[in-house]
Amino acid sequence: CGLKCGLVMCREDMEQHLKRDCGMVREKCRLGCGVELTRDELKLHVKDTCVQRIIRCEHCSISVKLCDKPKHLEKCPRVRVACELCNVETRRDAMTKHLSDDCKEKVLECPFV
């Protein structure tokens, strides 16, 4: 192969090899991040380093793009957050219940006023 992938072949097979099989041909990332690498490098890039690859949130298991993870974590219902009143940590989706039922610093109104 003229791209030095190490394969030896007939001239008539070269076009097909370059179109489909040669790991040394440079291509853009199929996930749309704009990176251009060899096909062999792209296999690892898409799997391990592309910011556009899909990952699972470690808190709620939803699928998100790696580049969108920070934005997701700001709203993820399963992320633990600190209560603004007492600093107790609870999941974001349980904070309303904490504030209404459990928070020791919540100001209660006197029922006799």
C-alpha atoms as a PDB file:
ATOM      1  CA  CYS A   1       0.000   0.000   0.000  1.00  0.00           C
ATOM      2  CA  GLY A   2       1.251   3.480  -0.833  1.00  0.00           C
ATOM      3  CA  LEU A   3       0.240   4.775   2.607  1.00  0.00           C
ATOM      4  CA  LYS A   4       2.634   2.355   4.305  1.00  0.00           C
ATOM      5  CA  CYS A   5       0.031   0.278   6.150  1.00  0.00           C
ATOM      6  CA  GLY A   6       2.192  -2.771   5.435  1.00  0.00           C
ATOM      7  CA  LEU A   7      -0.189  -4.590   3.109  1.00  0.00           C
ATOM      8  CA  VAL A   8       1.069  -5.930  -0.210  1.00  0.00           C
ATOM      9  CA  MET A   9      -1.567  -6.359  -2.927  1.00  0.00           C
ATOM     10  CA  CYS A  10      -2.281  -6.319  -6.630  1.00  0.00           C
ATOM     11  CA  ARG A  11      -2.683  -2.921  -8.216  1.00  0.00           C
ATOM     12  CA  GLU A  12      -6.339  -3.618  -9.060  1.00  0.00           C
ATOM     13  CA  ASP A  13      -7.130  -4.206  -5.365  1.00  0.00           C
ATOM     14  CA  MET A  14      -5.543  -0.923  -4.247  1.00  0.00           C
ATOM     15  CA  GLU A  15      -8.570   1.325  -4.888  1.00  0.00           C
ATOM     16  CA  GLN A  16     -10.890  -0.936  -2.881  1.00  0.00           C
ATOM     17  CA  HIS A  17      -8.295  -1.213  -0.105  1.00  0.00           C
ATOM     18  CA  LEU A  18      -7.968   2.573   0.188  1.00  0.00           C
ATOM     19  CA  LYS A  19     -11.754   3.107   0.098  1.00  0.00           C
ATOM     20  CA  ARG A  20     -12.608   0.539   2.740  1.00  0.00           C
ATOM     21  CA  ASP A  21      -9.787  -1.150   4.592  1.00  0.00           C
ATOM     22  CA  CYS A  22      -6.578   0.850   4.857  1.00  0.00           C
ATOM     23  CA  GLY A  23      -6.037   2.033   8.426  1.00  0.00           C
ATOM     24  CA  MET A  24      -3.669   4.771   7.268  1.00  0.00           C
ATOM     25  CA  VAL A  25      -6.281   6.753   5.304  1.00  0.00           C
ATOM     26  CA  ARG A  26      -7.115  10.019   7.100  1.00  0.00           C
ATOM     27  CA  GLU A  27     -10.775  10.763   7.823  1.00  0.00           C
ATOM     28  CA  LYS A  28     -12.793  13.137   9.973  1.00  0.00           C
ATOM     29  CA  CYS A  29     -14.361  11.833  13.159  1.00  0.00           C
ATOM     30  CA  ARG A  30     -17.818  10.390  12.418  1.00  0.00           C
ATOM     31  CA  LEU A  31     -19.161  11.819  15.693  1.00  0.00           C
ATOM     32  CA  GLY A  32     -18.702  15.365  14.403  1.00  0.00           C
ATOM     33  CA  CYS A  33     -16.002  16.779  16.685  1.00  0.00           C
ATOM     34  CA  GLY A  34     -13.933  17.914  13.674  1.00  0.00           C
ATOM     35  CA  VAL A  35     -10.783  15.897  14.451  1.00  0.00           C
ATOM     36  CA  GLU A  36      -9.064  14.303  11.463  1.00  0.00           C
ATOM     37  CA  LEU A  37      -7.001  11.161  12.126  1.00  0.00           C
ATOM     38  CA  THR A  38      -6.104   7.903  10.433  1.00  0.00           C
ATOM     39  CA  ARG A  39      -8.796   5.219  10.474  1.00  0.00           C
ATOM     40  CA  ASP A  40      -6.738   3.248  12.993  1.00  0.00           C
ATOM     41  CA  GLU A  41      -6.405   6.282  15.289  1.00  0.00           C
ATOM     42  CA  LEU A  42     -10.108   7.106  14.892  1.00  0.00           C
ATOM     43  CA  LYS A  43     -11.122   3.734  16.347  1.00  0.00           C
ATOM     44  CA  LEU A  44      -9.493   4.666  19.662  1.00  0.00           C
ATOM     45  CA  HIS A  45     -10.533   8.312  19.433  1.00  0.00           C
ATOM     46  CA  VAL A  46     -14.249   7.485  19.046  1.00  0.00           C
ATOM     47  CA  LYS A  47     -14.088   4.930  21.854  1.00  0.00           C
ATOM     48  CA  ASP A  48     -11.935   6.776  24.397  1.00  0.00           C
ATOM     49  CA  THR A  49     -11.301  10.485  23.778  1.00  0.00           C
ATOM     50  CA  CYS A  50     -13.901  12.120  21.509  1.00  0.00           C
ATOM     51  CA  VAL A  51     -15.842  14.841  23.342  1.00  0.00           C
ATOM     52  CA  GLN A  52     -18.896  13.936  21.218  1.00  0.00           C
ATOM     53  CA  ARG A  53     -18.949  10.292  22.355  1.00  0.00           C
ATOM     54  CA  ILE A  54     -21.908   9.054  24.361  1.00  0.00           C
ATOM     55  CA  ILE A  55     -21.311   8.259  28.028  1.00  0.00           C
ATOM     56  CA  ARG A  56     -23.614   7.252  30.877  1.00  0.00           C
ATOM     57  CA  CYS A  57     -24.126   9.632  33.756  1.00  0.00           C
ATOM     58  CA  GLU A  58     -22.656   7.980  36.839  1.00  0.00           C
ATOM     59  CA  HIS A  59     -25.550   9.314  38.924  1.00  0.00           C
ATOM     60  CA  CYS A  60     -28.697   8.641  36.881  1.00  0.00           C
ATOM     61  CA  SER A  61     -27.441   6.369  34.043  1.00  0.00           C
ATOM     62  CA  ILE A  62     -28.909   8.568  31.293  1.00  0.00           C
ATOM     63  CA  SER A  63     -26.900   8.719  28.051  1.00  0.00           C
ATOM     64  CA  VAL A  64     -25.255  12.104  27.370  1.00  0.00           C
ATOM     65  CA  LYS A  65     -22.482  13.411  25.144  1.00  0.00           C
ATOM     66  CA  LEU A  66     -19.262  13.887  27.088  1.00  0.00           C
ATOM     67  CA  CYS A  67     -19.205  17.579  26.111  1.00  0.00           C
ATOM     68  CA  ASP A  68     -22.716  17.992  27.582  1.00  0.00           C
ATOM     69  CA  LYS A  69     -21.905  16.298  30.902  1.00  0.00           C
ATOM     70  CA  PRO A  70     -21.216  19.511  32.908  1.00  0.00           C
ATOM     71  CA  LYS A  71     -24.554  20.998  31.785  1.00  0.00           C
ATOM     72  CA  HIS A  72     -26.341  17.724  32.621  1.00  0.00           C
ATOM     73  CA  LEU A  73     -24.784  17.554  36.095  1.00  0.00           C
ATOM     74  CA  GLU A  74     -26.166  21.027  36.882  1.00  0.00           C
ATOM     75  CA  LYS A  75     -29.693  19.567  36.568  1.00  0.00           C
ATOM     76  CA  CYS A  76     -29.242  15.830  37.135  1.00  0.00           C
ATOM     77  CA  PRO A  77     -31.904  14.739  39.648  1.00  0.00           C
ATOM     78  CA  ARG A  78     -29.635  12.159  41.260  1.00  0.00           C
ATOM     79  CA  VAL A  79     -26.645  14.420  41.976  1.00  0.00           C
ATOM     80  CA  ARG A  80     -26.133  15.067  45.668  1.00  0.00           C
ATOM     81  CA  VAL A  81     -26.439  18.735  46.595  1.00  0.00           C
ATOM     82  CA  ALA A  82     -26.121  20.593  49.884  1.00  0.00           C
ATOM     83  CA  CYS A  83     -29.173  22.134  51.493  1.00  0.00           C
ATOM     84  CA  GLU A  84     -28.829  25.934  51.504  1.00  0.00           C
ATOM     85  CA  LEU A  85     -30.167  26.092  55.050  1.00  0.00           C
ATOM     86  CA  CYS A  86     -28.464  23.255  56.925  1.00  0.00           C
ATOM     87  CA  ASN A  87     -25.731  21.980  54.544  1.00  0.00           C
ATOM     88  CA  VAL A  88     -27.023  18.395  54.725  1.00  0.00           C
ATOM     89  CA  GLU A  89     -26.408  16.635  51.422  1.00  0.00           C
ATOM     90  CA  THR A  90     -29.253  14.906  49.652  1.00  0.00           C
ATOM     91  CA  ARG A  91     -30.112  14.028  46.073  1.00  0.00           C
ATOM     92  CA  ARG A  92     -31.435  16.959  44.058  1.00  0.00           C
ATOM     93  CA  ASP A  93     -34.724  15.117  43.446  1.00  0.00           C
ATOM     94  CA  ALA A  94     -35.206  14.709  47.228  1.00  0.00           C
ATOM     95  CA  MET A  95     -34.422  18.305  48.198  1.00  0.00           C
ATOM     96  CA  THR A  96     -38.054  19.486  48.208  1.00  0.00           C
ATOM     97  CA  LYS A  97     -38.984  16.705  50.633  1.00  0.00           C
ATOM     98  CA  HIS A  98     -35.926  17.480  52.767  1.00  0.00           C
ATOM     99  CA  LEU A  99     -36.877  21.158  52.970  1.00  0.00           C
ATOM    100  CA  SER A 100     -40.485  20.438  53.847  1.00  0.00           C
ATOM    101  CA  ASP A 101     -40.019  17.484  56.237  1.00  0.00           C
ATOM    102  CA  ASP A 102     -36.455  17.052  57.475  1.00  0.00           C
ATOM    103  CA  CYS A 103     -34.447  20.290  57.449  1.00  0.00           C
ATOM    104  CA  LYS A 104     -33.516  21.258  61.006  1.00  0.00           C
ATOM    105  CA  GLU A 105     -32.865  24.880  59.994  1.00  0.00           C
ATOM    106  CA  LYS A 106     -36.210  25.488  58.306  1.00  0.00           C
ATOM    107  CA  VAL A 107     -38.058  28.417  59.888  1.00  0.00           C
ATOM    108  CA  LEU A 108     -41.472  27.284  61.053  1.00  0.00           C
ATOM    109  CA  GLU A 109     -44.384  29.624  61.386  1.00  0.00           C
ATOM    110  CA  CYS A 110     -46.175  29.607  64.682  1.00  0.00           C
ATOM    111  CA  PRO A 111     -49.626  28.060  64.271  1.00  0.00           C
ATOM    112  CA  PHE A 112     -50.997  30.356  67.021  1.00  0.00           C
ATOM    113  CA  VAL A 113     -50.233  33.683  65.346  1.00  0.00           C
END
